[in-house]
C-alpha atoms as a PDB file:
ATOM      1  CA  MET A   1      -4.185-113.691 150.090  1.00  0.00           C
ATOM      2  CA  SER A   2      -3.907-110.920 152.682  1.00  0.00           C
ATOM      3  CA  ASN A   3      -6.788-110.405 155.136  1.00  0.00           C
ATOM      4  CA  PRO A   4      -8.031-106.719 155.899  1.00  0.00           C
ATOM      5  CA  ALA A   5      -6.565-106.861 159.318  1.00  0.00           C
ATOM      6  CA  SER A   6      -3.054-107.630 157.937  1.00  0.00           C
ATOM      7  CA  ILE A   7      -3.336-105.036 155.254  1.00  0.00           C
ATOM      8  CA  ALA A   8      -4.280-102.283 157.809  1.00  0.00           C
ATOM      9  CA  LEU A   9      -1.498-103.352 160.209  1.00  0.00           C
ATOM     10  CA  ALA A  10       1.025-103.011 157.434  1.00  0.00           C
ATOM     11  CA  LEU A  11       0.347 -99.230 157.259  1.00  0.00           C
ATOM     12  CA  GLY A  12       2.456 -96.882 159.367  1.00  0.00           C
ATOM     13  CA  ASP A  13       1.566 -96.239 163.064  1.00  0.00           C
ATOM     14  CA  VAL A  14      -1.544 -98.162 163.144  1.00  0.00           C
ATOM     15  CA  GLU A  15      -2.980 -99.207 166.366  1.00  0.00           C
ATOM     16  CA  GLN A  16      -5.624-101.867 167.132  1.00  0.00           C
ATOM     17  CA  GLY A  17      -8.700-101.176 169.307  1.00  0.00           C
ATOM     18  CA  LEU A  18     -12.050-102.629 170.252  1.00  0.00           C
ATOM     19  CA  SER A  19     -15.301-100.546 169.308  1.00  0.00           C
ATOM     20  CA  CYS A  20     -18.733-101.027 170.921  1.00  0.00           C
ATOM     21  CA  ALA A  21     -17.366-103.789 173.313  1.00  0.00           C
ATOM     22  CA  GLY A  22     -20.191-105.927 174.746  1.00  0.00           C
ATOM     23  CA  THR A  23     -22.631-105.104 172.037  1.00  0.00           C
ATOM     24  CA  ALA A  24     -24.011-106.454 169.024  1.00  0.00           C
ATOM     25  CA  LEU A  25     -21.765-104.090 167.197  1.00  0.00           C
ATOM     26  CA  GLU A  26     -18.552-105.047 168.646  1.00  0.00           C
ATOM     27  CA  CYS A  27     -15.720-105.001 166.251  1.00  0.00           C
ATOM     28  CA  ARG A  28     -11.988-104.338 166.016  1.00  0.00           C
ATOM     29  CA  SER A  29     -10.944-101.020 165.055  1.00  0.00           C
ATOM     30  CA  PHE A  30      -7.665 -99.899 163.100  1.00  0.00           C
ATOM     31  CA  LEU A  31      -6.542 -96.478 164.104  1.00  0.00           C
ATOM     32  CA  VAL A  32      -4.108 -93.628 163.048  1.00  0.00           C
ATOM     33  CA  LYS A  33      -3.632 -90.602 164.813  1.00  0.00           C
ATOM     34  CA  LYS A  34      -6.221 -91.835 167.367  1.00  0.00           C
ATOM     35  CA  GLN A  35      -8.972 -91.856 164.623  1.00  0.00           C
ATOM     36  CA  ALA A  36     -10.515 -95.017 163.151  1.00  0.00           C
ATOM     37  CA  PHE A  37     -10.034 -95.754 159.562  1.00  0.00           C
ATOM     38  CA  LEU A  38     -11.330 -99.422 159.547  1.00  0.00           C
ATOM     39  CA  PHE A  39     -13.743-101.473 161.467  1.00  0.00           C
ATOM     40  CA  LEU A  40     -13.743-105.291 161.180  1.00  0.00           C
ATOM     41  CA  SER A  41     -16.293-107.644 162.660  1.00  0.00           C
ATOM     42  CA  GLU A  42     -16.634-111.376 161.940  1.00  0.00           C
ATOM     43  CA  GLU A  43     -18.939-110.510 159.058  1.00  0.00           C
ATOM     44  CA  HIS A  44     -18.345-107.041 157.727  1.00  0.00           C
ATOM     45  CA  LEU A  45     -15.741-104.448 157.456  1.00  0.00           C
ATOM     46  CA  ARG A  46     -16.233-100.700 157.378  1.00  0.00           C
ATOM     47  CA  LEU A  47     -13.997 -97.984 155.881  1.00  0.00           C
ATOM     48  CA  LYS A  48     -14.240 -94.693 154.465  1.00  0.00           C
ATOM     49  CA  LEU A  49     -13.581 -93.571 150.917  1.00  0.00           C
ATOM     50  CA  GLY A  50     -12.948 -90.221 149.137  1.00  0.00           C
ATOM     51  CA  ARG A  51     -11.811 -90.455 145.616  1.00  0.00           C
ATOM     52  CA  SER A  52     -12.889 -94.141 145.188  1.00  0.00           C
ATOM     53  CA  VAL A  53     -16.653 -93.475 145.988  1.00  0.00           C
ATOM     54  CA  ALA A  54     -17.619 -93.670 142.251  1.00  0.00           C
ATOM     55  CA  GLN A  55     -15.679 -96.929 141.756  1.00  0.00           C
ATOM     56  CA  ALA A  56     -17.420 -98.447 144.809  1.00  0.00           C
ATOM     57  CA  LYS A  57     -20.627 -97.401 143.453  1.00  0.00           C
ATOM     58  CA  LYS A  58     -19.970 -98.891 140.225  1.00  0.00           C
ATOM     59  CA  ARG A  59     -19.468-102.253 142.131  1.00  0.00           C
ATOM     60  CA  GLY A  60     -22.866-101.808 143.802  1.00  0.00           C
ATOM     61  CA  VAL A  61     -21.638-100.797 147.302  1.00  0.00           C
ATOM     62  CA  ALA A  62     -23.720 -98.510 149.118  1.00  0.00           C
ATOM     63  CA  VAL A  63     -21.958 -95.331 150.237  1.00  0.00           C
ATOM     64  CA  GLY A  64     -23.144 -93.845 153.433  1.00  0.00           C
ATOM     65  CA  ALA A  65     -22.693 -90.449 155.016  1.00  0.00           C
ATOM     66  CA  ALA A  66     -19.251 -88.998 154.645  1.00  0.00           C
ATOM     67  CA  GLY A  67     -18.043 -91.687 152.341  1.00  0.00           C
ATOM     68  CA  TRP A  68     -18.364 -94.831 154.765  1.00  0.00           C
ATOM     69  CA  ILE A  69     -18.997 -98.018 153.157  1.00  0.00           C
ATOM     70  CA  LYS A  70     -19.891-101.472 154.433  1.00  0.00           C
ATOM     71  CA  LEU A  71     -18.539-104.643 152.825  1.00  0.00           C
ATOM     72  CA  ASP A  72     -19.405-108.211 153.612  1.00  0.00           C
ATOM     73  CA  LEU A  73     -16.280-110.350 154.300  1.00  0.00           C
ATOM     74  CA  ASP A  74     -17.877-113.073 151.939  1.00  0.00           C
ATOM     75  CA  ASP A  75     -17.829-110.490 148.959  1.00  0.00           C
ATOM     76  CA  LEU A  76     -14.770-108.444 149.169  1.00  0.00           C
ATOM     77  CA  PRO A  77     -13.553-106.695 146.043  1.00  0.00           C
ATOM     78  CA  PRO A  78     -10.357-108.067 144.330  1.00  0.00           C
ATOM     79  CA  GLN A  79      -7.244-107.944 146.588  1.00  0.00           C
ATOM     80  CA  PRO A  80      -5.548-104.972 144.762  1.00  0.00           C
ATOM     81  CA  MET A  81      -8.806-102.841 144.994  1.00  0.00           C
ATOM     82  CA  LEU A  82      -9.386-103.894 148.702  1.00  0.00           C
ATOM     83  CA  LYS A  83      -5.685-102.665 149.615  1.00  0.00           C
ATOM     84  CA  ALA A  84      -6.204 -99.563 147.801  1.00  0.00           C
ATOM     85  CA  TRP A  85      -9.442 -98.852 149.557  1.00  0.00           C
ATOM     86  CA  ILE A  86      -8.014 -99.629 152.828  1.00  0.00           C
ATOM     87  CA  ALA A  87      -4.839 -97.478 152.212  1.00  0.00           C
ATOM     88  CA  GLU A  88      -7.288 -94.645 151.064  1.00  0.00           C
ATOM     89  CA  SER A  89      -9.420 -94.665 154.297  1.00  0.00           C
ATOM     90  CA  TYR A  90      -5.957 -94.723 156.177  1.00  0.00           C
ATOM     91  CA  ALA A  91      -4.933 -91.741 154.192  1.00  0.00           C
ATOM     92  CA  LEU A  92      -8.065 -89.681 154.879  1.00  0.00           C
ATOM     93  CA  PHE A  93      -7.196 -89.887 158.706  1.00  0.00           C
ATOM     94  CA  ALA A  94      -3.228 -90.014 158.546  1.00  0.00           C
ATOM     95  CA  GLY A  95      -2.889 -87.074 156.298  1.00  0.00           C
ATOM     96  CA  LYS A  96      -1.368 -87.015 152.744  1.00  0.00           C
ATOM     97  CA  ASP A  97       2.375 -87.033 154.107  1.00  0.00           C
ATOM     98  CA  ARG A  98       1.677 -90.339 155.845  1.00  0.00           C
ATOM     99  CA  ALA A  99      -0.357 -92.089 153.139  1.00  0.00           C
ATOM    100  CA  LYS A 100       2.837 -92.695 151.034  1.00  0.00           C
ATOM    101  CA  ALA A 101       5.463 -93.212 153.722  1.00  0.00           C
ATOM    102  CA  PRO A 102       6.348 -96.860 154.403  1.00  0.00           C
ATOM    103  CA  ALA A 103       5.857 -98.062 157.980  1.00  0.00           C
ATOM    104  CA  SER A 104       9.455 -98.225 158.566  1.00  0.00           C
ATOM    105  CA  LYS A 105      10.777 -95.051 157.497  1.00  0.00           C
ATOM    106  CA  PRO A 106      11.922 -92.886 160.469  1.00  0.00           C
ATOM    107  CA  LYS A 107      10.647 -89.432 161.005  1.00  0.00           C
ATOM    108  CA  ALA A 108      12.874 -86.568 159.669  1.00  0.00           C
ATOM    109  CA  ALA A 109      13.989 -84.021 162.236  1.00  0.00           C
ATOM    110  CA  PRO A 110      12.001 -80.659 161.858  1.00  0.00           C
ATOM    111  CA  LYS A 111      13.702 -78.122 159.660  1.00  0.00           C
ATOM    112  CA  ARG A 112      14.682 -74.924 161.413  1.00  0.00           C
ATOM    113  CA  GLY A 113      13.417 -71.706 159.654  1.00  0.00           C
ATOM    114  CA  SER A 114      15.412 -68.771 159.185  1.00  0.00           C
ATOM    115  CA  LYS A 115      15.204 -65.733 161.736  1.00  0.00           C
ATOM    116  CA  ARG A 116      13.413 -62.787 160.093  1.00  0.00           C
END
């Protein structure tokens, strides 16, 4: 079973950081395009949902401002759902083009437009 950190790190261009260092809220953060999409403490994880908000609410998860949710590490959803939710949070910050691209796929050279 994968843990949330390894799921996040398997996505493309993810960097790790530390949020709220030295406070009671200190946690690891996982960033794409310099924006955090997942926060992981020793007890909880926080991530942002879009299209899966209704699914989370059906599971009894409280959805906060702008779709952010908090999950207890002792009560995570099934592995496929957790992976999908982390990927969804990632995609909200990475953009749709990066959401489906594998981590190892090289970036294509920009296309040249025709002169007008």
